[in-house]
C-alpha atoms as a PDB file:
ATOM      1  CA  MET A   1      -9.305  28.274 -12.981  1.00  0.00           C
ATOM      2  CA  ILE A   2      -6.583  25.755 -12.129  1.00  0.00           C
ATOM      3  CA  LYS A   3      -5.538  23.633 -15.095  1.00  0.00           C
ATOM      4  CA  MET A   4      -5.143  19.937 -14.338  1.00  0.00           C
ATOM      5  CA  VAL A   5      -2.007  18.328 -15.738  1.00  0.00           C
ATOM      6  CA  ASP A   6      -1.909  14.761 -17.010  1.00  0.00           C
ATOM      7  CA  LYS A   7       1.089  13.451 -15.101  1.00  0.00           C
ATOM      8  CA  HIS A   8       2.378  13.756 -11.536  1.00  0.00           C
ATOM      9  CA  SER A   9       5.642  12.589  -9.991  1.00  0.00           C
ATOM     10  CA  GLN A  10       6.998  13.406  -6.542  1.00  0.00           C
ATOM     11  CA  SER A  11      10.019  11.815  -4.894  1.00  0.00           C
ATOM     12  CA  PHE A  12      10.941  11.637  -1.211  1.00  0.00           C
ATOM     13  CA  PHE A  13      14.593  10.816  -0.627  1.00  0.00           C
ATOM     14  CA  GLY A  14      16.507  10.146   2.563  1.00  0.00           C
ATOM     15  CA  GLN A  15      20.049   9.000   3.222  1.00  0.00           C
ATOM     16  CA  SER A  16      19.457   5.398   2.148  1.00  0.00           C
ATOM     17  CA  THR A  17      15.910   5.021   0.744  1.00  0.00           C
ATOM     18  CA  GLY A  18      13.875   6.831  -1.894  1.00  0.00           C
ATOM     19  CA  LEU A  19      10.122   6.718  -2.513  1.00  0.00           C
ATOM     20  CA  THR A  20       8.415   8.087  -5.635  1.00  0.00           C
ATOM     21  CA  LEU A  21       4.687   8.633  -6.123  1.00  0.00           C
ATOM     22  CA  LEU A  22       3.864   8.466  -9.835  1.00  0.00           C
ATOM     23  CA  SER A  23       0.626   9.036 -11.730  1.00  0.00           C
ATOM     24  CA  SER A  24       1.292   8.621 -15.446  1.00  0.00           C
ATOM     25  CA  SER A  25      -2.149   9.793 -16.576  1.00  0.00           C
ATOM     26  CA  LYS A  26      -5.249  11.206 -14.908  1.00  0.00           C
ATOM     27  CA  SER A  27      -7.288   8.745 -17.003  1.00  0.00           C
ATOM     28  CA  ASP A  28      -5.564   5.768 -15.315  1.00  0.00           C
ATOM     29  CA  SER A  29      -7.407   4.384 -12.307  1.00  0.00           C
ATOM     30  CA  PHE A  30      -4.169   3.655 -10.446  1.00  0.00           C
ATOM     31  CA  ILE A  31      -0.882   5.105  -9.251  1.00  0.00           C
ATOM     32  CA  PHE A  32       2.591   3.644  -8.825  1.00  0.00           C
ATOM     33  CA  LEU A  33       4.745   3.706  -5.703  1.00  0.00           C
ATOM     34  CA  LYS A  34       8.410   3.112  -6.489  1.00  0.00           C
ATOM     35  CA  CYS A  35      11.079   2.343  -3.868  1.00  0.00           C
ATOM     36  CA  ILE A  36      14.844   2.272  -4.307  1.00  0.00           C
ATOM     37  CA  LYS A  37      17.779   1.885  -1.924  1.00  0.00           C
ATOM     38  CA  LYS A  38      21.338   3.144  -1.876  1.00  0.00           C
ATOM     39  CA  LYS A  39      23.832   0.398  -2.700  1.00  0.00           C
ATOM     40  CA  PRO A  40      26.965  -0.327  -0.611  1.00  0.00           C
ATOM     41  CA  ASP A  41      29.067   1.476  -3.245  1.00  0.00           C
ATOM     42  CA  GLY A  42      27.028   4.662  -2.733  1.00  0.00           C
ATOM     43  CA  SER A  43      25.035   4.474  -5.987  1.00  0.00           C
ATOM     44  CA  TRP A  44      21.254   4.144  -6.107  1.00  0.00           C
ATOM     45  CA  GLU A  45      19.232   1.244  -7.457  1.00  0.00           C
ATOM     46  CA  LYS A  46      17.885   1.802 -10.975  1.00  0.00           C
ATOM     47  CA  PRO A  47      14.286   0.719 -11.745  1.00  0.00           C
ATOM     48  CA  SER A  48      15.204   0.773 -15.451  1.00  0.00           C
ATOM     49  CA  SER A  49      17.628  -2.068 -14.688  1.00  0.00           C
ATOM     50  CA  GLY A  50      15.025  -4.093 -12.838  1.00  0.00           C
ATOM     51  CA  GLU A  51      16.169  -2.896  -9.428  1.00  0.00           C
ATOM     52  CA  GLY A  52      14.003  -1.516  -6.647  1.00  0.00           C
ATOM     53  CA  LYS A  53      10.336  -2.299  -6.018  1.00  0.00           C
ATOM     54  CA  THR A  54       7.241  -0.951  -7.779  1.00  0.00           C
ATOM     55  CA  ILE A  55       3.662  -1.374  -6.551  1.00  0.00           C
ATOM     56  CA  LYS A  56       0.502  -0.404  -8.442  1.00  0.00           C
ATOM     57  CA  CYS A  57      -2.297   0.909  -6.202  1.00  0.00           C
ATOM     58  CA  ASN A  58      -5.903   1.107  -7.379  1.00  0.00           C
ATOM     59  CA  LEU A  59      -8.573   3.638  -6.405  1.00  0.00           C
ATOM     60  CA  ASP A  60      -9.720   1.628  -3.382  1.00  0.00           C
ATOM     61  CA  GLU A  61      -6.188   1.540  -2.028  1.00  0.00           C
ATOM     62  CA  ILE A  62      -5.675   5.265  -2.666  1.00  0.00           C
ATOM     63  CA  VAL A  63      -8.752   5.957  -0.545  1.00  0.00           C
ATOM     64  CA  MET A  64      -7.453   3.767   2.303  1.00  0.00           C
ATOM     65  CA  ILE A  65      -3.991   5.365   2.189  1.00  0.00           C
ATOM     66  CA  LEU A  66      -5.648   8.779   2.397  1.00  0.00           C
ATOM     67  CA  GLU A  67      -7.586   7.628   5.470  1.00  0.00           C
ATOM     68  CA  VAL A  68      -4.229   7.254   7.228  1.00  0.00           C
ATOM     69  CA  LEU A  69      -2.698  10.414   5.771  1.00  0.00           C
ATOM     70  CA  GLN A  70      -5.741  12.420   6.891  1.00  0.00           C
ATOM     71  CA  ARG A  71      -5.302  10.918  10.386  1.00  0.00           C
ATOM     72  CA  ASN A  72      -8.663   9.151  10.353  1.00  0.00           C
ATOM     73  CA  SER A  73      -6.928   5.791  10.830  1.00  0.00           C
ATOM     74  CA  ASP A  74      -3.775   4.817  12.724  1.00  0.00           C
ATOM     75  CA  SER A  75      -2.626   2.357  10.064  1.00  0.00           C
ATOM     76  CA  TRP A  76      -3.595   0.415   6.960  1.00  0.00           C
ATOM     77  CA  SER A  77      -2.009  -2.564   5.250  1.00  0.00           C
ATOM     78  CA  SER A  78      -2.631  -4.896   2.339  1.00  0.00           C
ATOM     79  CA  TYR A  79      -0.605  -7.133   0.080  1.00  0.00           C
ATOM     80  CA  HIS A  80      -0.131  -7.703  -3.629  1.00  0.00           C
ATOM     81  CA  ASN A  81       0.472 -10.942  -5.466  1.00  0.00           C
ATOM     82  CA  PHE A  82       2.415 -11.183  -8.724  1.00  0.00           C
ATOM     83  CA  ASN A  83       3.699 -14.531 -10.034  1.00  0.00           C
ATOM     84  CA  GLU A  84       2.875 -15.924  -6.569  1.00  0.00           C
ATOM     85  CA  VAL A  85       5.276 -13.468  -4.955  1.00  0.00           C
ATOM     86  CA  LYS A  86       3.377 -11.595  -2.242  1.00  0.00           C
ATOM     87  CA  THR A  87       4.405  -8.087  -1.255  1.00  0.00           C
ATOM     88  CA  GLN A  88       3.207  -6.439   1.948  1.00  0.00           C
ATOM     89  CA  ILE A  89       2.357  -2.735   1.851  1.00  0.00           C
ATOM     90  CA  SER A  90       1.713  -0.786   5.034  1.00  0.00           C
ATOM     91  CA  PHE A  91       1.136   2.825   6.087  1.00  0.00           C
ATOM     92  CA  LYS A  92       1.423   3.510   9.805  1.00  0.00           C
ATOM     93  CA  TRP A  93       1.999   6.490  12.109  1.00  0.00           C
ATOM     94  CA  GLU A  94       5.140   6.272  14.224  1.00  0.00           C
ATOM     95  CA  ASN A  95       3.213   7.123  17.418  1.00  0.00           C
ATOM     96  CA  GLU A  96       0.073   8.829  18.707  1.00  0.00           C
ATOM     97  CA  THR A  97       1.344  12.327  17.787  1.00  0.00           C
ATOM     98  CA  LYS A  98       1.000  11.382  14.100  1.00  0.00           C
ATOM     99  CA  LYS A  99       3.882  13.594  13.022  1.00  0.00           C
ATOM    100  CA  LYS A 100       5.928  10.947  11.195  1.00  0.00           C
ATOM    101  CA  LEU A 101       4.616   8.332   8.778  1.00  0.00           C
ATOM    102  CA  LEU A 102       6.158   4.882   8.329  1.00  0.00           C
ATOM    103  CA  ILE A 103       5.737   3.276   4.913  1.00  0.00           C
ATOM    104  CA  TYR A 104       6.639  -0.362   4.290  1.00  0.00           C
ATOM    105  CA  ILE A 105       6.664  -1.870   0.787  1.00  0.00           C
ATOM    106  CA  GLY A 106       8.088  -5.374   0.901  1.00  0.00           C
ATOM    107  CA  SER A 107      11.623  -5.139   2.263  1.00  0.00           C
ATOM    108  CA  TYR A 108      11.709  -1.377   1.685  1.00  0.00           C
ATOM    109  CA  SER A 109      10.827   1.078   4.434  1.00  0.00           C
ATOM    110  CA  LYS A 110      10.588   4.852   4.351  1.00  0.00           C
ATOM    111  CA  MET A 111       9.807   7.424   7.043  1.00  0.00           C
ATOM    112  CA  LEU A 112       8.234  10.729   6.028  1.00  0.00           C
ATOM    113  CA  ASN A 113       8.460  13.763   8.292  1.00  0.00           C
ATOM    114  CA  PHE A 114       5.532  16.124   8.864  1.00  0.00           C
ATOM    115  CA  ALA A 115       6.205  18.319   5.828  1.00  0.00           C
ATOM    116  CA  GLN A 116       6.768  15.366   3.508  1.00  0.00           C
ATOM    117  CA  THR A 117       3.598  13.681   4.787  1.00  0.00           C
ATOM    118  CA  GLU A 118       1.547  16.797   4.087  1.00  0.00           C
ATOM    119  CA  ILE A 119       2.936  17.025   0.549  1.00  0.00           C
ATOM    120  CA  PHE A 120       2.141  13.343   0.043  1.00  0.00           C
ATOM    121  CA  ARG A 121      -1.399  13.818   1.409  1.00  0.00           C
ATOM    122  CA  LEU A 122      -2.214  16.925  -0.641  1.00  0.00           C
ATOM    123  CA  LEU A 123      -0.837  15.427  -3.839  1.00  0.00           C
ATOM    124  CA  LEU A 124      -2.632  12.103  -3.365  1.00  0.00           C
ATOM    125  CA  LYS A 125      -5.915  13.902  -2.594  1.00  0.00           C
ATOM    126  CA  HIS A 126      -5.524  15.972  -5.766  1.00  0.00           C
ATOM    127  CA  ILE A 127      -4.681  12.897  -7.849  1.00  0.00           C
ATOM    128  CA  LEU A 128      -7.686  10.981  -6.508  1.00  0.00           C
ATOM    129  CA  LYS A 129     -10.005  13.842  -7.441  1.00  0.00           C
ATOM    130  CA  GLU A 130      -8.560  13.872 -10.967  1.00  0.00           C
ATOM    131  CA  LYS A 131      -8.897  10.135 -11.389  1.00  0.00           C
ATOM    132  CA  ILE A 132     -12.480  10.044 -10.122  1.00  0.00           C
ATOM    133  CA  GLU A 133     -13.315  12.613 -12.788  1.00  0.00           C
ATOM    134  CA  PHE A 134     -11.280  11.306 -15.714  1.00  0.00           C
ATOM    135  CA  SER A 135     -10.654   7.565 -15.235  1.00  0.00           C
ATOM    136  CA  THR A 136     -14.313   6.606 -14.820  1.00  0.00           C
ATOM    137  CA  VAL A 137     -15.511   7.880 -18.212  1.00  0.00           C
ATOM    138  CA  VAL A 138     -14.424   7.236 -21.778  1.00  0.00           C
ATOM    139  CA  LYS A 139     -14.515   9.811 -24.567  1.00  0.00           C
ATOM    140  CA  LEU A 140     -16.165   8.735 -27.809  1.00  0.00           C
ATOM    141  CA  ASN A 141     -15.309   9.994 -31.296  1.00  0.00           C
ATOM    142  CA  SER A 142     -18.326  12.294 -31.208  1.00  0.00           C
ATOM    143  CA  GLY A 143     -16.892  14.045 -28.187  1.00  0.00           C
ATOM    144  CA  LYS A 144     -19.564  12.634 -25.888  1.00  0.00           C
ATOM    145  CA  THR A 145     -18.687  10.747 -22.729  1.00  0.00           C
ATOM    146  CA  THR A 146     -20.141   7.630 -21.240  1.00  0.00           C
ATOM    147  CA  ALA A 147     -19.539   5.519 -18.163  1.00  0.00           C
ATOM    148  CA  VAL A 148     -16.837   2.898 -18.536  1.00  0.00           C
ATOM    149  CA  SER A 149     -17.807  -0.683 -17.885  1.00  0.00           C
ATOM    150  CA  PRO A 150     -15.422  -2.586 -15.579  1.00  0.00           C
ATOM    151  CA  LYS A 151     -14.407  -4.889 -18.446  1.00  0.00           C
ATOM    152  CA  VAL A 152     -13.586  -2.007 -20.802  1.00  0.00           C
ATOM    153  CA  SER A 153     -11.742  -0.126 -18.052  1.00  0.00           C
ATOM    154  CA  GLU A 154      -9.659  -3.198 -17.178  1.00  0.00           C
ATOM    155  CA  GLN A 155      -8.783  -3.829 -20.841  1.00  0.00           C
ATOM    156  CA  ARG A 156      -7.828  -0.180 -21.353  1.00  0.00           C
ATOM    157  CA  ASN A 157      -5.524  -0.239 -18.325  1.00  0.00           C
ATOM    158  CA  GLN A 158      -3.905  -3.448 -19.562  1.00  0.00           C
ATOM    159  CA  ASP A 159      -3.322  -1.882 -22.983  1.00  0.00           C
ATOM    160  CA  ILE A 160      -1.739   1.186 -21.386  1.00  0.00           C
ATOM    161  CA  ASP A 161       0.508  -0.985 -19.215  1.00  0.00           C
ATOM    162  CA  ALA A 162       1.645  -3.033 -22.189  1.00  0.00           C
ATOM    163  CA  THR A 163       2.448  -0.106 -24.467  1.00  0.00           C
ATOM    164  CA  THR A 164       3.580   2.782 -22.302  1.00  0.00           C
ATOM    165  CA  LEU A 165       4.480   1.510 -18.835  1.00  0.00           C
ATOM    166  CA  PRO A 166       6.977  -1.345 -18.462  1.00  0.00           C
ATOM    167  CA  ILE A 167       5.508  -2.211 -15.059  1.00  0.00           C
ATOM    168  CA  VAL A 168       4.162  -5.592 -14.012  1.00  0.00           C
ATOM    169  CA  LYS A 169       0.444  -5.815 -13.270  1.00  0.00           C
ATOM    170  CA  GLU A 170      -0.323  -6.415  -9.607  1.00  0.00           C
ATOM    171  CA  SER A 171      -3.371  -8.141  -8.186  1.00  0.00           C
ATOM    172  CA  ILE A 172      -4.699  -7.914  -4.624  1.00  0.00           C
ATOM    173  CA  GLU A 173      -5.518 -11.142  -2.828  1.00  0.00           C
ATOM    174  CA  LEU A 174      -7.394 -11.625   0.398  1.00  0.00           C
ATOM    175  CA  SER A 175      -9.732 -14.601   0.641  1.00  0.00           C
ATOM    176  CA  GLU A 176     -11.865 -15.308   3.698  1.00  0.00           C
ATOM    177  CA  ASN A 177     -10.754 -18.940   3.395  1.00  0.00           C
ATOM    178  CA  ASP A 178      -7.114 -17.909   3.766  1.00  0.00           C
ATOM    179  CA  VAL A 179      -7.452 -15.790   6.920  1.00  0.00           C
ATOM    180  CA  SER A 180      -9.043 -16.030  10.358  1.00  0.00           C
ATOM    181  CA  GLN A 181     -10.096 -13.527  12.989  1.00  0.00           C
ATOM    182  CA  ILE A 182      -8.627 -14.302  16.386  1.00  0.00           C
ATOM    183  CA  MET A 183      -8.346 -12.465  19.692  1.00  0.00           C
ATOM    184  CA  GLY A 184      -4.961 -11.705  21.208  1.00  0.00           C
ATOM    185  CA  VAL A 185      -2.801  -9.289  23.203  1.00  0.00           C
ATOM    186  CA  ILE A 186       0.386  -7.663  21.883  1.00  0.00           C
ATOM    187  CA  GLU A 187       3.267  -8.409  24.257  1.00  0.00           C
ATOM    188  CA  GLY A 188       6.097  -7.089  22.103  1.00  0.00           C
ATOM    189  CA  GLU A 189       6.860  -5.518  18.736  1.00  0.00           C
ATOM    190  CA  THR A 190       9.742  -5.211  16.287  1.00  0.00           C
ATOM    191  CA  GLU A 191       9.872  -3.523  12.896  1.00  0.00           C
ATOM    192  CA  LYS A 192       8.647  -6.682  11.158  1.00  0.00           C
ATOM    193  CA  ALA A 193       6.727  -8.742  13.750  1.00  0.00           C
ATOM    194  CA  LEU A 194       4.360  -8.693  16.723  1.00  0.00           C
ATOM    195  CA  LEU A 195       4.638 -10.941  19.780  1.00  0.00           C
ATOM    196  CA  ILE A 196       0.998 -11.895  20.357  1.00  0.00           C
ATOM    197  CA  GLN A 197      -0.429 -13.806  23.295  1.00  0.00           C
ATOM    198  CA  PHE A 198      -3.528 -15.665  22.153  1.00  0.00           C
ATOM    199  CA  ASN A 199      -6.448 -16.810  24.289  1.00  0.00           C
ATOM    200  CA  ASN A 200      -4.801 -20.182  24.866  1.00  0.00           C
ATOM    201  CA  ASP A 201      -1.955 -18.276  26.613  1.00  0.00           C
ATOM    202  CA  LYS A 202       0.424 -19.182  23.792  1.00  0.00           C
ATOM    203  CA  GLU A 203       2.839 -16.392  22.791  1.00  0.00           C
ATOM    204  CA  ILE A 204       3.912 -16.391  19.133  1.00  0.00           C
ATOM    205  CA  TRP A 205       5.938 -13.981  17.019  1.00  0.00           C
ATOM    206  CA  ILE A 206       3.685 -13.177  14.040  1.00  0.00           C
ATOM    207  CA  PRO A 207       5.156 -11.386  10.985  1.00  0.00           C
ATOM    208  CA  LYS A 208       3.359  -8.122  10.275  1.00  0.00           C
ATOM    209  CA  SER A 209       3.174  -9.177   6.627  1.00  0.00           C
ATOM    210  CA  VAL A 210       0.527 -11.808   7.493  1.00  0.00           C
ATOM    211  CA  ILE A 211      -1.591  -9.541   9.738  1.00  0.00           C
ATOM    212  CA  ARG A 212      -4.349  -8.174   7.500  1.00  0.00           C
ATOM    213  CA  SER A 213      -6.154  -5.931   9.987  1.00  0.00           C
ATOM    214  CA  ASN A 214      -5.380  -2.663  11.718  1.00  0.00           C
ATOM    215  CA  TYR A 215      -4.214  -3.006  15.304  1.00  0.00           C
ATOM    216  CA  ASN A 216      -3.409  -0.954  18.391  1.00  0.00           C
ATOM    217  CA  SER A 217       0.277  -1.317  19.301  1.00  0.00           C
ATOM    218  CA  SER A 218      -0.412  -0.720  23.016  1.00  0.00           C
ATOM    219  CA  ASN A 219       0.336  -3.660  25.291  1.00  0.00           C
ATOM    220  CA  ASP A 220      -2.236  -5.406  27.481  1.00  0.00           C
ATOM    221  CA  ILE A 221      -5.154  -4.627  25.148  1.00  0.00           C
ATOM    222  CA  SER A 222      -7.192  -7.595  23.964  1.00  0.00           C
ATOM    223  CA  GLN A 223      -8.050  -7.023  20.317  1.00  0.00           C
ATOM    224  CA  ASN A 224      -9.179  -8.837  17.211  1.00  0.00           C
ATOM    225  CA  PHE A 225      -6.565  -9.725  14.571  1.00  0.00           C
ATOM    226  CA  THR A 226      -7.101 -10.954  11.010  1.00  0.00           C
ATOM    227  CA  ILE A 227      -4.196 -13.329  10.343  1.00  0.00           C
ATOM    228  CA  ASP A 228      -3.244 -15.717   7.536  1.00  0.00           C
ATOM    229  CA  ASN A 229      -4.332 -19.263   8.373  1.00  0.00           C
ATOM    230  CA  TRP A 230      -1.038 -20.860   7.356  1.00  0.00           C
ATOM    231  CA  ILE A 231       0.936 -19.111  10.103  1.00  0.00           C
ATOM    232  CA  LEU A 232      -1.692 -20.064  12.703  1.00  0.00           C
ATOM    233  CA  LYS A 233      -1.597 -23.702  11.614  1.00  0.00           C
ATOM    234  CA  LYS A 234       2.215 -23.692  11.571  1.00  0.00           C
ATOM    235  CA  ASN A 235       2.256 -22.579  15.238  1.00  0.00           C
ATOM    236  CA  ASN A 236      -0.714 -24.737  16.317  1.00  0.00           C
ATOM    237  CA  VAL A 237      -2.863 -21.745  17.201  1.00  0.00           C
ATOM    238  CA  PRO A 238      -6.606 -22.631  17.136  1.00  0.00           C
ATOM    239  CA  ASN A 239      -8.375 -20.333  14.656  1.00  0.00           C
ATOM    240  CA  ASN A 240     -11.958 -20.977  15.730  1.00  0.00           C
END
């Protein structure tokens, strides 16, 4: 019988960027993704000094990331809001061969090769299984277990954050009033933006950070995008 450990940590380093997957306890219903960069002087950023970027992902997000890692989806993205600072997170295959994975967390980007992606996938799948088993129940003094109410679970996670993990709490925001679904065709793409031609024949560069839906990067395909309303209004694109 395989014994489950309480903590997991796996780092993926390249020449200039490092990504660490961290699960501090199997009873926590979240993981952390930590990104650091190499500085101009050759040293690496230190999270302990407030450098780098850390994102907390909940169970829902772990499931969606696994959908990409298991090649059931081409891409997935979301964003987090802390102190009104929004951070885009995105997982996307480099191309249709799905051999290399592109990960974007705010201004940090990391590419994983096939072997690294498989390690990431297997570890995340294992962690999810652990958390489904251990983070959804609470052990009483009698040794019995009972289902955790959402309020109790949230309070417990906050207590853990405050006492053992010096990491800010992230919240996910996506209101139907803040976004619109609109048809368009991708005419061009850079690392951080898409050139989209909308039905009114207007071509606009749209930052990927404000596109909330999956999309097909192929040109000349009319598809539905979910985009933040503020960028549509700024560029006078009708959203209805």
